[in-house]
PDB file of all heavy atoms in Angstrom:
ATOM      1  N   ILE A   1       4.770   8.707   0.709  1.00  0.00           N
ATOM      2  CA  ILE A   1       4.272   8.032  -0.471  1.00  0.00           C
ATOM      3  C   ILE A   1       4.938   8.671  -1.699  1.00  0.00           C
ATOM      4  O   ILE A   1       5.108   9.894  -1.765  1.00  0.00           O
ATOM      5  CB  ILE A   1       2.736   8.109  -0.577  1.00  0.00           C
ATOM      6  CG1 ILE A   1       2.226   7.270  -1.760  1.00  0.00           C
ATOM      7  CG2 ILE A   1       2.238   9.562  -0.676  1.00  0.00           C
ATOM      8  CD1 ILE A   1       0.696   7.124  -1.788  1.00  0.00           C
ATOM      9  N   SER A   2       5.325   7.854  -2.640  1.00  0.00           N
ATOM     10  CA  SER A   2       5.913   8.335  -3.877  1.00  0.00           C
ATOM     11  C   SER A   2       5.537   7.375  -4.981  1.00  0.00           C
ATOM     12  O   SER A   2       4.971   6.296  -4.729  1.00  0.00           O
ATOM     13  CB  SER A   2       7.432   8.468  -3.761  1.00  0.00           C
ATOM     14  OG  SER A   2       8.032   7.220  -3.498  1.00  0.00           O
ATOM     15  N   GLY A   3       5.843   7.738  -6.209  1.00  0.00           N
ATOM     16  CA  GLY A   3       5.499   6.857  -7.299  1.00  0.00           C
ATOM     17  C   GLY A   3       6.222   7.211  -8.563  1.00  0.00           C
ATOM     18  O   GLY A   3       6.909   8.223  -8.679  1.00  0.00           O
ATOM     19  N   ASP A   4       6.060   6.336  -9.522  1.00  0.00           N
ATOM     20  CA  ASP A   4       6.641   6.496 -10.838  1.00  0.00           C
ATOM     21  C   ASP A   4       5.548   6.116 -11.825  1.00  0.00           C
ATOM     22  O   ASP A   4       5.285   4.938 -12.059  1.00  0.00           O
ATOM     23  CB  ASP A   4       7.870   5.621 -11.029  1.00  0.00           C
ATOM     24  CG  ASP A   4       8.599   5.866 -12.324  1.00  0.00           C
ATOM     25  OD1 ASP A   4       7.952   6.318 -13.296  1.00  0.00           O
ATOM     26  OD2 ASP A   4       9.802   5.633 -12.367  1.00  0.00           O
ATOM     27  N   ASN A   5       4.894   7.116 -12.379  1.00  0.00           N
ATOM     28  CA  ASN A   5       3.765   6.845 -13.278  1.00  0.00           C
ATOM     29  C   ASN A   5       4.186   6.070 -14.510  1.00  0.00           C
ATOM     30  O   ASN A   5       3.432   5.233 -15.010  1.00  0.00           O
ATOM     31  CB  ASN A   5       3.104   8.169 -13.692  1.00  0.00           C
ATOM     32  CG  ASN A   5       1.674   7.986 -14.135  1.00  0.00           C
ATOM     33  OD1 ASN A   5       0.877   7.286 -13.505  1.00  0.00           O
ATOM     34  ND2 ASN A   5       1.329   8.632 -15.236  1.00  0.00           N
ATOM     35  N   ALA A   6       5.382   6.318 -15.007  1.00  0.00           N
ATOM     36  CA  ALA A   6       5.882   5.627 -16.197  1.00  0.00           C
ATOM     37  C   ALA A   6       6.061   4.137 -15.920  1.00  0.00           C
ATOM     38  O   ALA A   6       5.942   3.324 -16.825  1.00  0.00           O
ATOM     39  CB  ALA A   6       7.184   6.238 -16.683  1.00  0.00           C
ATOM     40  N   LYS A   7       6.381   3.802 -14.696  1.00  0.00           N
ATOM     41  CA  LYS A   7       6.563   2.402 -14.321  1.00  0.00           C
ATOM     42  C   LYS A   7       5.324   1.771 -13.704  1.00  0.00           C
ATOM     43  O   LYS A   7       5.361   0.608 -13.299  1.00  0.00           O
ATOM     44  CB  LYS A   7       7.732   2.289 -13.342  1.00  0.00           C
ATOM     45  CG  LYS A   7       9.084   2.640 -13.914  1.00  0.00           C
ATOM     46  CD  LYS A   7      10.196   2.435 -12.909  1.00  0.00           C
ATOM     47  CE  LYS A   7      11.559   2.729 -13.505  1.00  0.00           C
ATOM     48  NZ  LYS A   7      12.642   2.541 -12.515  1.00  0.00           N
ATOM     49  N   ASN A   8       4.253   2.545 -13.625  1.00  0.00           N
ATOM     50  CA  ASN A   8       3.018   2.061 -13.000  1.00  0.00           C
ATOM     51  C   ASN A   8       3.304   1.508 -11.598  1.00  0.00           C
ATOM     52  O   ASN A   8       2.897   0.397 -11.238  1.00  0.00           O
ATOM     53  CB  ASN A   8       2.363   0.986 -13.855  1.00  0.00           C
ATOM     54  CG  ASN A   8       1.780   1.531 -15.149  1.00  0.00           C
ATOM     55  OD1 ASN A   8       1.757   2.731 -15.386  1.00  0.00           O
ATOM     56  ND2 ASN A   8       1.326   0.615 -15.995  1.00  0.00           N
ATOM     57  N   ALA A   9       4.023   2.290 -10.826  1.00  0.00           N
ATOM     58  CA  ALA A   9       4.431   1.852  -9.509  1.00  0.00           C
ATOM     59  C   ALA A   9       4.248   2.957  -8.483  1.00  0.00           C
ATOM     60  O   ALA A   9       4.403   4.139  -8.783  1.00  0.00           O
ATOM     61  CB  ALA A   9       5.881   1.389  -9.523  1.00  0.00           C
ATOM     62  N   VAL A  10       3.912   2.550  -7.278  1.00  0.00           N
ATOM     63  CA  VAL A  10       3.806   3.473  -6.172  1.00  0.00           C
ATOM     64  C   VAL A  10       4.532   2.856  -4.993  1.00  0.00           C
ATOM     65  O   VAL A  10       4.595   1.622  -4.855  1.00  0.00           O
ATOM     66  CB  VAL A  10       2.319   3.774  -5.842  1.00  0.00           C
ATOM     67  CG1 VAL A  10       1.588   2.496  -5.400  1.00  0.00           C
ATOM     68  CG2 VAL A  10       2.213   4.859  -4.797  1.00  0.00           C
ATOM     69  N   TYR A  11       5.102   3.703  -4.156  1.00  0.00           N
ATOM     70  CA  TYR A  11       5.939   3.253  -3.071  1.00  0.00           C
ATOM     71  C   TYR A  11       5.513   3.895  -1.759  1.00  0.00           C
ATOM     72  O   TYR A  11       4.886   4.959  -1.721  1.00  0.00           O
ATOM     73  CB  TYR A  11       7.409   3.585  -3.344  1.00  0.00           C
ATOM     74  CG  TYR A  11       7.881   3.170  -4.717  1.00  0.00           C
ATOM     75  CD1 TYR A  11       7.888   4.088  -5.761  1.00  0.00           C
ATOM     76  CD2 TYR A  11       8.243   1.862  -4.978  1.00  0.00           C
ATOM     77  CE1 TYR A  11       8.307   3.700  -7.014  1.00  0.00           C
ATOM     78  CE2 TYR A  11       8.654   1.469  -6.252  1.00  0.00           C
ATOM     79  CZ  TYR A  11       8.673   2.389  -7.254  1.00  0.00           C
ATOM     80  OH  TYR A  11       9.071   2.009  -8.519  1.00  0.00           O
ATOM     81  N   LEU A  12       5.881   3.248  -0.679  1.00  0.00           N
ATOM     82  CA  LEU A  12       5.628   3.784   0.639  1.00  0.00           C
ATOM     83  C   LEU A  12       6.882   3.589   1.469  1.00  0.00           C
ATOM     84  O   LEU A  12       7.233   2.451   1.835  1.00  0.00           O
ATOM     85  CB  LEU A  12       4.435   3.112   1.326  1.00  0.00           C
ATOM     86  CG  LEU A  12       4.054   3.697   2.685  1.00  0.00           C
ATOM     87  CD1 LEU A  12       3.482   5.104   2.513  1.00  0.00           C
ATOM     88  CD2 LEU A  12       3.028   2.806   3.380  1.00  0.00           C
ATOM     89  N   GLN A  13       7.575   4.666   1.733  1.00  0.00           N
ATOM     90  CA  GLN A  13       8.746   4.615   2.608  1.00  0.00           C
ATOM     91  C   GLN A  13       8.270   4.786   4.036  1.00  0.00           C
ATOM     92  O   GLN A  13       7.625   5.794   4.365  1.00  0.00           O
ATOM     93  CB  GLN A  13       9.745   5.718   2.240  1.00  0.00           C
ATOM     94  CG  GLN A  13      10.973   5.774   3.123  1.00  0.00           C
ATOM     95  CD  GLN A  13      11.847   4.545   2.982  1.00  0.00           C
ATOM     96  OE1 GLN A  13      12.128   4.129   1.865  1.00  0.00           O
ATOM     97  NE2 GLN A  13      12.283   3.977   4.089  1.00  0.00           N
ATOM     98  N   MET A  14       8.581   3.833   4.869  1.00  0.00           N
ATOM     99  CA  MET A  14       8.134   3.836   6.254  1.00  0.00           C
ATOM    100  C   MET A  14       9.360   3.884   7.169  1.00  0.00           C
ATOM    101  O   MET A  14      10.174   2.979   7.180  1.00  0.00           O
ATOM    102  CB  MET A  14       7.293   2.589   6.563  1.00  0.00           C
ATOM    103  CG  MET A  14       6.114   2.391   5.611  1.00  0.00           C
ATOM    104  SD  MET A  14       5.037   1.017   6.117  1.00  0.00           S
ATOM    105  CE  MET A  14       6.199  -0.339   5.927  1.00  0.00           C
ATOM    106  N   ASN A  15       9.441   4.953   7.919  1.00  0.00           N
ATOM    107  CA  ASN A  15      10.531   5.153   8.858  1.00  0.00           C
ATOM    108  C   ASN A  15       9.993   5.220  10.281  1.00  0.00           C
ATOM    109  O   ASN A  15       8.807   5.446  10.498  1.00  0.00           O
ATOM    110  CB  ASN A  15      11.302   6.425   8.531  1.00  0.00           C
ATOM    111  CG  ASN A  15      11.936   6.413   7.178  1.00  0.00           C
ATOM    112  OD1 ASN A  15      12.410   5.393   6.696  1.00  0.00           O
ATOM    113  ND2 ASN A  15      11.984   7.583   6.540  1.00  0.00           N
ATOM    114  N   SER A  16      10.890   5.043  11.223  1.00  0.00           N
ATOM    115  CA  SER A  16      10.515   5.113  12.641  1.00  0.00           C
ATOM    116  C   SER A  16       9.307   4.259  12.947  1.00  0.00           C
ATOM    117  O   SER A  16       8.360   4.690  13.619  1.00  0.00           O
ATOM    118  CB  SER A  16      10.250   6.578  13.047  1.00  0.00           C
ATOM    119  OG  SER A  16      11.386   7.379  12.800  1.00  0.00           O
ATOM    120  N   LEU A  17       9.346   3.043  12.489  1.00  0.00           N
ATOM    121  CA  LEU A  17       8.209   2.153  12.624  1.00  0.00           C
ATOM    122  C   LEU A  17       7.911   1.835  14.075  1.00  0.00           C
ATOM    123  O   LEU A  17       8.801   1.693  14.910  1.00  0.00           O
ATOM    124  CB  LEU A  17       8.434   0.882  11.831  1.00  0.00           C
ATOM    125  CG  LEU A  17       8.231   1.030  10.321  1.00  0.00           C
ATOM    126  CD1 LEU A  17       8.903  -0.098   9.570  1.00  0.00           C
ATOM    127  CD2 LEU A  17       6.733   1.102   9.995  1.00  0.00           C
ATOM    128  N   LYS A  18       6.621   1.720  14.356  1.00  0.00           N
ATOM    129  CA  LYS A  18       6.121   1.404  15.695  1.00  0.00           C
ATOM    130  C   LYS A  18       5.355   0.102  15.659  1.00  0.00           C
ATOM    131  O   LYS A  18       4.807  -0.279  14.600  1.00  0.00           O
ATOM    132  CB  LYS A  18       5.188   2.536  16.171  1.00  0.00           C
ATOM    133  CG  LYS A  18       5.810   3.920  16.169  1.00  0.00           C
ATOM    134  CD  LYS A  18       4.772   4.960  16.538  1.00  0.00           C
ATOM    135  CE  LYS A  18       5.358   6.357  16.534  1.00  0.00           C
ATOM    136  NZ  LYS A  18       4.334   7.385  16.891  1.00  0.00           N
ATOM    137  N   PRO A  19       5.228  -0.581  16.797  1.00  0.00           N
ATOM    138  CA  PRO A  19       4.432  -1.808  16.820  1.00  0.00           C
ATOM    139  C   PRO A  19       3.016  -1.598  16.297  1.00  0.00           C
ATOM    140  O   PRO A  19       2.439  -2.507  15.685  1.00  0.00           O
ATOM    141  CB  PRO A  19       4.432  -2.197  18.292  1.00  0.00           C
ATOM    142  CG  PRO A  19       5.751  -1.669  18.799  1.00  0.00           C
ATOM    143  CD  PRO A  19       5.931  -0.345  18.062  1.00  0.00           C
ATOM    144  N   GLU A  20       2.441  -0.442  16.534  1.00  0.00           N
ATOM    145  CA  GLU A  20       1.081  -0.158  16.073  1.00  0.00           C
ATOM    146  C   GLU A  20       0.986  -0.047  14.555  1.00  0.00           C
ATOM    147  O   GLU A  20      -0.126   0.002  14.016  1.00  0.00           O
ATOM    148  CB  GLU A  20       0.569   1.136  16.713  1.00  0.00           C
ATOM    149  CG  GLU A  20       1.341   2.379  16.341  1.00  0.00           C
ATOM    150  CD  GLU A  20       1.213   3.501  17.356  1.00  0.00           C
ATOM    151  OE1 GLU A  20       1.747   3.332  18.476  1.00  0.00           O
ATOM    152  OE2 GLU A  20       0.529   4.500  17.039  1.00  0.00           O
ATOM    153  N   ASP A  21       2.106  -0.018  13.874  1.00  0.00           N
ATOM    154  CA  ASP A  21       2.113  -0.023  12.409  1.00  0.00           C
ATOM    155  C   ASP A  21       1.937  -1.441  11.853  1.00  0.00           C
ATOM    156  O   ASP A  21       1.786  -1.603  10.635  1.00  0.00           O
ATOM    157  CB  ASP A  21       3.404   0.576  11.856  1.00  0.00           C
ATOM    158  CG  ASP A  21       3.556   2.036  12.195  1.00  0.00           C
ATOM    159  OD1 ASP A  21       2.556   2.777  12.087  1.00  0.00           O
ATOM    160  OD2 ASP A  21       4.692   2.444  12.544  1.00  0.00           O
ATOM    161  N   THR A  22       1.979  -2.431  12.712  1.00  0.00           N
ATOM    162  CA  THR A  22       1.825  -3.812  12.285  1.00  0.00           C
ATOM    163  C   THR A  22       0.456  -3.996  11.611  1.00  0.00           C
ATOM    164  O   THR A  22      -0.583  -3.729  12.211  1.00  0.00           O
ATOM    165  CB  THR A  22       1.961  -4.779  13.451  1.00  0.00           C
ATOM    166  OG1 THR A  22       3.297  -4.682  13.984  1.00  0.00           O
ATOM    167  CG2 THR A  22       1.709  -6.210  13.031  1.00  0.00           C
ATOM    168  N   ALA A  23       0.468  -4.465  10.384  1.00  0.00           N
ATOM    169  CA  ALA A  23      -0.750  -4.633   9.613  1.00  0.00           C
ATOM    170  C   ALA A  23      -0.416  -5.209   8.266  1.00  0.00           C
ATOM    171  O   ALA A  23       0.764  -5.315   7.898  1.00  0.00           O
ATOM    172  CB  ALA A  23      -1.472  -3.289   9.440  1.00  0.00           C
ATOM    173  N   VAL A  24      -1.435  -5.606   7.535  1.00  0.00           N
ATOM    174  CA  VAL A  24      -1.280  -5.926   6.138  1.00  0.00           C
ATOM    175  C   VAL A  24      -1.497  -4.647   5.343  1.00  0.00           C
ATOM    176  O   VAL A  24      -2.521  -3.959   5.534  1.00  0.00           O
ATOM    177  CB  VAL A  24      -2.274  -6.999   5.669  1.00  0.00           C
ATOM    178  CG1 VAL A  24      -2.112  -7.275   4.184  1.00  0.00           C
ATOM    179  CG2 VAL A  24      -2.052  -8.291   6.454  1.00  0.00           C
ATOM    180  N   TYR A  25      -0.562  -4.323   4.506  1.00  0.00           N
ATOM    181  CA  TYR A  25      -0.605  -3.082   3.736  1.00  0.00           C
ATOM    182  C   TYR A  25      -1.027  -3.355   2.306  1.00  0.00           C
ATOM    183  O   TYR A  25      -0.519  -4.262   1.653  1.00  0.00           O
ATOM    184  CB  TYR A  25       0.757  -2.396   3.750  1.00  0.00           C
ATOM    185  CG  TYR A  25       1.048  -1.699   5.065  1.00  0.00           C
ATOM    186  CD1 TYR A  25       1.297  -2.451   6.218  1.00  0.00           C
ATOM    187  CD2 TYR A  25       1.064  -0.315   5.166  1.00  0.00           C
ATOM    188  CE1 TYR A  25       1.557  -1.817   7.432  1.00  0.00           C
ATOM    189  CE2 TYR A  25       1.302   0.312   6.376  1.00  0.00           C
ATOM    190  CZ  TYR A  25       1.552  -0.449   7.504  1.00  0.00           C
ATOM    191  OH  TYR A  25       1.804   0.195   8.706  1.00  0.00           O
ATOM    192  N   TYR A  26      -1.950  -2.571   1.825  1.00  0.00           N
ATOM    193  CA  TYR A  26      -2.477  -2.708   0.477  1.00  0.00           C
ATOM    194  C   TYR A  26      -2.341  -1.397  -0.297  1.00  0.00           C
ATOM    195  O   TYR A  26      -2.442  -0.327   0.296  1.00  0.00           O
ATOM    196  CB  TYR A  26      -3.975  -3.043   0.503  1.00  0.00           C
ATOM    197  CG  TYR A  26      -4.344  -4.266   1.307  1.00  0.00           C
ATOM    198  CD1 TYR A  26      -4.613  -4.170   2.677  1.00  0.00           C
ATOM    199  CD2 TYR A  26      -4.467  -5.512   0.694  1.00  0.00           C
ATOM    200  CE1 TYR A  26      -4.979  -5.284   3.402  1.00  0.00           C
ATOM    201  CE2 TYR A  26      -4.849  -6.639   1.408  1.00  0.00           C
ATOM    202  CZ  TYR A  26      -5.086  -6.515   2.779  1.00  0.00           C
ATOM    203  OH  TYR A  26      -5.460  -7.626   3.490  1.00  0.00           O
ATOM    204  N   CYS A  27      -2.141  -1.514  -1.590  1.00  0.00           N
ATOM    205  CA  CYS A  27      -2.264  -0.347  -2.443  1.00  0.00           C
ATOM    206  C   CYS A  27      -3.512  -0.523  -3.293  1.00  0.00           C
ATOM    207  O   CYS A  27      -3.926  -1.642  -3.587  1.00  0.00           O
ATOM    208  CB  CYS A  27      -1.033  -0.133  -3.328  1.00  0.00           C
ATOM    209  SG  CYS A  27      -0.698  -1.438  -4.528  1.00  0.00           S
ATOM    210  N   ASN A  28      -4.120   0.573  -3.641  1.00  0.00           N
ATOM    211  CA  ASN A  28      -5.351   0.500  -4.417  1.00  0.00           C
ATOM    212  C   ASN A  28      -5.671   1.893  -4.956  1.00  0.00           C
ATOM    213  O   ASN A  28      -5.116   2.884  -4.503  1.00  0.00           O
ATOM    214  CB  ASN A  28      -6.510  -0.014  -3.583  1.00  0.00           C
ATOM    215  CG  ASN A  28      -7.506  -0.826  -4.396  1.00  0.00           C
ATOM    216  OD1 ASN A  28      -7.545  -0.766  -5.627  1.00  0.00           O
ATOM    217  ND2 ASN A  28      -8.339  -1.586  -3.691  1.00  0.00           N
ATOM    218  N   ASP A  29      -6.565   1.924  -5.920  1.00  0.00           N
ATOM    219  CA  ASP A  29      -7.109   3.192  -6.373  1.00  0.00           C
ATOM    220  C   ASP A  29      -8.572   3.260  -5.991  1.00  0.00           C
ATOM    221  O   ASP A  29      -9.138   2.309  -5.448  1.00  0.00           O
ATOM    222  CB  ASP A  29      -6.890   3.401  -7.875  1.00  0.00           C
ATOM    223  CG  ASP A  29      -7.556   2.344  -8.736  1.00  0.00           C
ATOM    224  OD1 ASP A  29      -8.398   1.572  -8.228  1.00  0.00           O
ATOM    225  OD2 ASP A  29      -7.235   2.288  -9.950  1.00  0.00           O
ATOM    226  N   LEU A  30      -9.197   4.386  -6.232  1.00  0.00           N
ATOM    227  CA  LEU A  30     -10.565   4.575  -5.790  1.00  0.00           C
ATOM    228  C   LEU A  30     -11.516   3.561  -6.397  1.00  0.00           C
ATOM    229  O   LEU A  30     -12.394   3.025  -5.700  1.00  0.00           O
ATOM    230  CB  LEU A  30     -11.023   5.992  -6.119  1.00  0.00           C
ATOM    231  CG  LEU A  30     -12.447   6.345  -5.668  1.00  0.00           C
ATOM    232  CD1 LEU A  30     -12.606   6.190  -4.169  1.00  0.00           C
ATOM    233  CD2 LEU A  30     -12.772   7.782  -6.103  1.00  0.00           C
ATOM    234  N   GLN A  31     -11.371   3.307  -7.682  1.00  0.00           N
ATOM    235  CA  GLN A  31     -12.254   2.338  -8.333  1.00  0.00           C
ATOM    236  C   GLN A  31     -12.091   0.957  -7.752  1.00  0.00           C
ATOM    237  O   GLN A  31     -13.076   0.228  -7.583  1.00  0.00           O
ATOM    238  CB  GLN A  31     -12.022   2.331  -9.830  1.00  0.00           C
ATOM    239  CG  GLN A  31     -12.494   3.603 -10.536  1.00  0.00           C
ATOM    240  CD  GLN A  31     -13.969   3.876 -10.296  1.00  0.00           C
ATOM    241  OE1 GLN A  31     -14.807   2.978 -10.472  1.00  0.00           O
ATOM    242  NE2 GLN A  31     -14.298   5.075  -9.904  1.00  0.00           N
ATOM    243  N   GLY A  32     -10.879   0.577  -7.443  1.00  0.00           N
ATOM    244  CA  GLY A  32     -10.658  -0.724  -6.824  1.00  0.00           C
ATOM    245  C   GLY A  32     -11.323  -0.815  -5.486  1.00  0.00           C
ATOM    246  O   GLY A  32     -11.879  -1.849  -5.127  1.00  0.00           O
ATOM    247  N   ILE A  33     -11.244   0.227  -4.726  1.00  0.00           N
ATOM    248  CA  ILE A  33     -11.880   0.253  -3.401  1.00  0.00           C
ATOM    249  C   ILE A  33     -13.385   0.130  -3.537  1.00  0.00           C
ATOM    250  O   ILE A  33     -14.029  -0.664  -2.838  1.00  0.00           O
ATOM    251  CB  ILE A  33     -11.506   1.525  -2.644  1.00  0.00           C
ATOM    252  CG1 ILE A  33     -10.008   1.542  -2.340  1.00  0.00           C
ATOM    253  CG2 ILE A  33     -12.303   1.648  -1.364  1.00  0.00           C
ATOM    254  CD1 ILE A  33      -9.491   2.858  -1.792  1.00  0.00           C
ATOM    255  N   VAL A  34     -13.966   0.880  -4.449  1.00  0.00           N
ATOM    256  CA  VAL A  34     -15.391   0.851  -4.647  1.00  0.00           C
ATOM    257  C   VAL A  34     -15.879  -0.530  -5.089  1.00  0.00           C
ATOM    258  O   VAL A  34     -16.899  -1.020  -4.616  1.00  0.00           O
ATOM    259  CB  VAL A  34     -15.818   1.922  -5.678  1.00  0.00           C
ATOM    260  CG1 VAL A  34     -17.292   1.726  -6.073  1.00  0.00           C
ATOM    261  CG2 VAL A  34     -15.593   3.321  -5.133  1.00  0.00           C
ATOM    262  N   LYS A  35     -15.108  -1.165  -5.944  1.00  0.00           N
ATOM    263  CA  LYS A  35     -15.479  -2.468  -6.471  1.00  0.00           C
ATOM    264  C   LYS A  35     -15.072  -3.618  -5.552  1.00  0.00           C
ATOM    265  O   LYS A  35     -15.435  -4.766  -5.802  1.00  0.00           O
ATOM    266  CB  LYS A  35     -14.869  -2.679  -7.852  1.00  0.00           C
ATOM    267  CG  LYS A  35     -15.387  -1.709  -8.907  1.00  0.00           C
ATOM    268  CD  LYS A  35     -14.700  -1.929 -10.250  1.00  0.00           C
ATOM    269  CE  LYS A  35     -15.207  -0.980 -11.286  1.00  0.00           C
ATOM    270  NZ  LYS A  35     -14.504  -1.169 -12.588  1.00  0.00           N
ATOM    271  N   GLY A  36     -14.320  -3.322  -4.536  1.00  0.00           N
ATOM    272  CA  GLY A  36     -13.854  -4.369  -3.628  1.00  0.00           C
ATOM    273  C   GLY A  36     -12.715  -5.194  -4.188  1.00  0.00           C
ATOM    274  O   GLY A  36     -12.545  -6.356  -3.787  1.00  0.00           O
ATOM    275  N   TYR A  37     -11.962  -4.612  -5.092  1.00  0.00           N
ATOM    276  CA  TYR A  37     -10.820  -5.319  -5.702  1.00  0.00           C
ATOM    277  C   TYR A  37      -9.544  -4.970  -4.948  1.00  0.00           C
ATOM    278  O   TYR A  37      -8.981  -3.895  -5.143  1.00  0.00           O
ATOM    279  CB  TYR A  37     -10.690  -4.957  -7.162  1.00  0.00           C
ATOM    280  CG  TYR A  37     -11.804  -5.417  -8.061  1.00  0.00           C
ATOM    281  CD1 TYR A  37     -12.063  -4.787  -9.270  1.00  0.00           C
ATOM    282  CD2 TYR A  37     -12.610  -6.490  -7.707  1.00  0.00           C
ATOM    283  CE1 TYR A  37     -13.094  -5.195 -10.096  1.00  0.00           C
ATOM    284  CE2 TYR A  37     -13.653  -6.915  -8.529  1.00  0.00           C
ATOM    285  CZ  TYR A  37     -13.878  -6.264  -9.728  1.00  0.00           C
ATOM    286  OH  TYR A  37     -14.890  -6.686 -10.546  1.00  0.00           O
ATOM    287  N   TRP A  38      -9.114  -5.891  -4.128  1.00  0.00           N
ATOM    288  CA  TRP A  38      -7.885  -5.714  -3.365  1.00  0.00           C
ATOM    289  C   TRP A  38      -6.895  -6.803  -3.686  1.00  0.00           C
ATOM    290  O   TRP A  38      -7.274  -7.943  -3.976  1.00  0.00           O
ATOM    291  CB  TRP A  38      -8.186  -5.756  -1.839  1.00  0.00           C
ATOM    292  CG  TRP A  38      -9.063  -4.643  -1.374  1.00  0.00           C
ATOM    293  CD1 TRP A  38     -10.412  -4.639  -1.319  1.00  0.00           C
ATOM    294  CD2 TRP A  38      -8.628  -3.367  -0.886  1.00  0.00           C
ATOM    295  NE1 TRP A  38     -10.870  -3.429  -0.823  1.00  0.00           N
ATOM    296  CE2 TRP A  38      -9.797  -2.637  -0.553  1.00  0.00           C
ATOM    297  CE3 TRP A  38      -7.386  -2.777  -0.705  1.00  0.00           C
ATOM    298  CZ2 TRP A  38      -9.757  -1.349  -0.042  1.00  0.00           C
ATOM    299  CZ3 TRP A  38      -7.335  -1.472  -0.202  1.00  0.00           C
ATOM    300  CH2 TRP A  38      -8.507  -0.781   0.119  1.00  0.00           C
ATOM    301  N   GLY A  39      -5.642  -6.454  -3.664  1.00  0.00           N
ATOM    302  CA  GLY A  39      -4.594  -7.452  -3.850  1.00  0.00           C
ATOM    303  C   GLY A  39      -4.367  -8.248  -2.580  1.00  0.00           C
ATOM    304  O   GLY A  39      -5.136  -8.184  -1.631  1.00  0.00           O
ATOM    305  N   GLN A  40      -3.281  -9.028  -2.586  1.00  0.00           N
ATOM    306  CA  GLN A  40      -2.984  -9.844  -1.414  1.00  0.00           C
ATOM    307  C   GLN A  40      -2.387  -9.029  -0.273  1.00  0.00           C
ATOM    308  O   GLN A  40      -2.420  -9.457   0.874  1.00  0.00           O
ATOM    309  CB  GLN A  40      -2.024 -10.964  -1.805  1.00  0.00           C
ATOM    310  CG  GLN A  40      -2.621 -12.011  -2.714  1.00  0.00           C
ATOM    311  CD  GLN A  40      -1.685 -13.143  -2.988  1.00  0.00           C
ATOM    312  OE1 GLN A  40      -0.467 -12.976  -3.054  1.00  0.00           O
ATOM    313  NE2 GLN A  40      -2.240 -14.348  -3.163  1.00  0.00           N
ATOM    314  N   GLY A  41      -1.863  -7.881  -0.585  1.00  0.00           N
ATOM    315  CA  GLY A  41      -1.233  -7.054   0.411  1.00  0.00           C
ATOM    316  C   GLY A  41       0.121  -7.613   0.806  1.00  0.00           C
ATOM    317  O   GLY A  41       0.536  -8.672   0.373  1.00  0.00           O
ATOM    318  N   THR A  42       0.826  -6.875   1.637  1.00  0.00           N
ATOM    319  CA  THR A  42       2.096  -7.314   2.152  1.00  0.00           C
ATOM    320  C   THR A  42       2.138  -7.077   3.644  1.00  0.00           C
ATOM    321  O   THR A  42       1.740  -6.026   4.143  1.00  0.00           O
ATOM    322  CB  THR A  42       3.276  -6.601   1.429  1.00  0.00           C
ATOM    323  OG1 THR A  42       4.525  -7.137   1.864  1.00  0.00           O
ATOM    324  CG2 THR A  42       3.255  -5.081   1.667  1.00  0.00           C
ATOM    325  N   GLN A  43       2.572  -8.069   4.380  1.00  0.00           N
ATOM    326  CA  GLN A  43       2.547  -8.026   5.831  1.00  0.00           C
ATOM    327  C   GLN A  43       3.719  -7.230   6.381  1.00  0.00           C
ATOM    328  O   GLN A  43       4.861  -7.476   6.011  1.00  0.00           O
ATOM    329  CB  GLN A  43       2.597  -9.454   6.414  1.00  0.00           C
ATOM    330  CG  GLN A  43       2.689  -9.510   7.950  1.00  0.00           C
ATOM    331  CD  GLN A  43       1.388  -9.092   8.606  1.00  0.00           C
ATOM    332  OE1 GLN A  43       0.327  -9.610   8.270  1.00  0.00           O
ATOM    333  NE2 GLN A  43       1.485  -8.180   9.578  1.00  0.00           N
ATOM    334  N   VAL A  44       3.414  -6.305   7.224  1.00  0.00           N
ATOM    335  CA  VAL A  44       4.436  -5.537   7.967  1.00  0.00           C
ATOM    336  C   VAL A  44       4.261  -5.862   9.446  1.00  0.00           C
ATOM    337  O   VAL A  44       3.191  -5.660  10.003  1.00  0.00           O
ATOM    338  CB  VAL A  44       4.293  -4.037   7.709  1.00  0.00           C
ATOM    339  CG1 VAL A  44       5.234  -3.246   8.639  1.00  0.00           C
ATOM    340  CG2 VAL A  44       4.582  -3.704   6.249  1.00  0.00           C
ATOM    341  N   THR A  45       5.304  -6.362  10.038  1.00  0.00           N
ATOM    342  CA  THR A  45       5.291  -6.682  11.460  1.00  0.00           C
ATOM    343  C   THR A  45       6.414  -5.926  12.170  1.00  0.00           C
ATOM    344  O   THR A  45       7.578  -6.091  11.804  1.00  0.00           O
ATOM    345  CB  THR A  45       5.452  -8.192  11.710  1.00  0.00           C
ATOM    346  OG1 THR A  45       4.417  -8.908  11.027  1.00  0.00           O
ATOM    347  CG2 THR A  45       5.367  -8.505  13.188  1.00  0.00           C
TER     348      THR A  45
END
């Protein structure tokens, strides 16, 4: 995981991917999780 606070962006570099990594991936902060505010996510297959 990495990020750029100035750009309001966070990244996830995923290497050596396995079939078990298949999922919808979401980013969020604690307040978003508590409030149930999730984005659409991005599908990784």
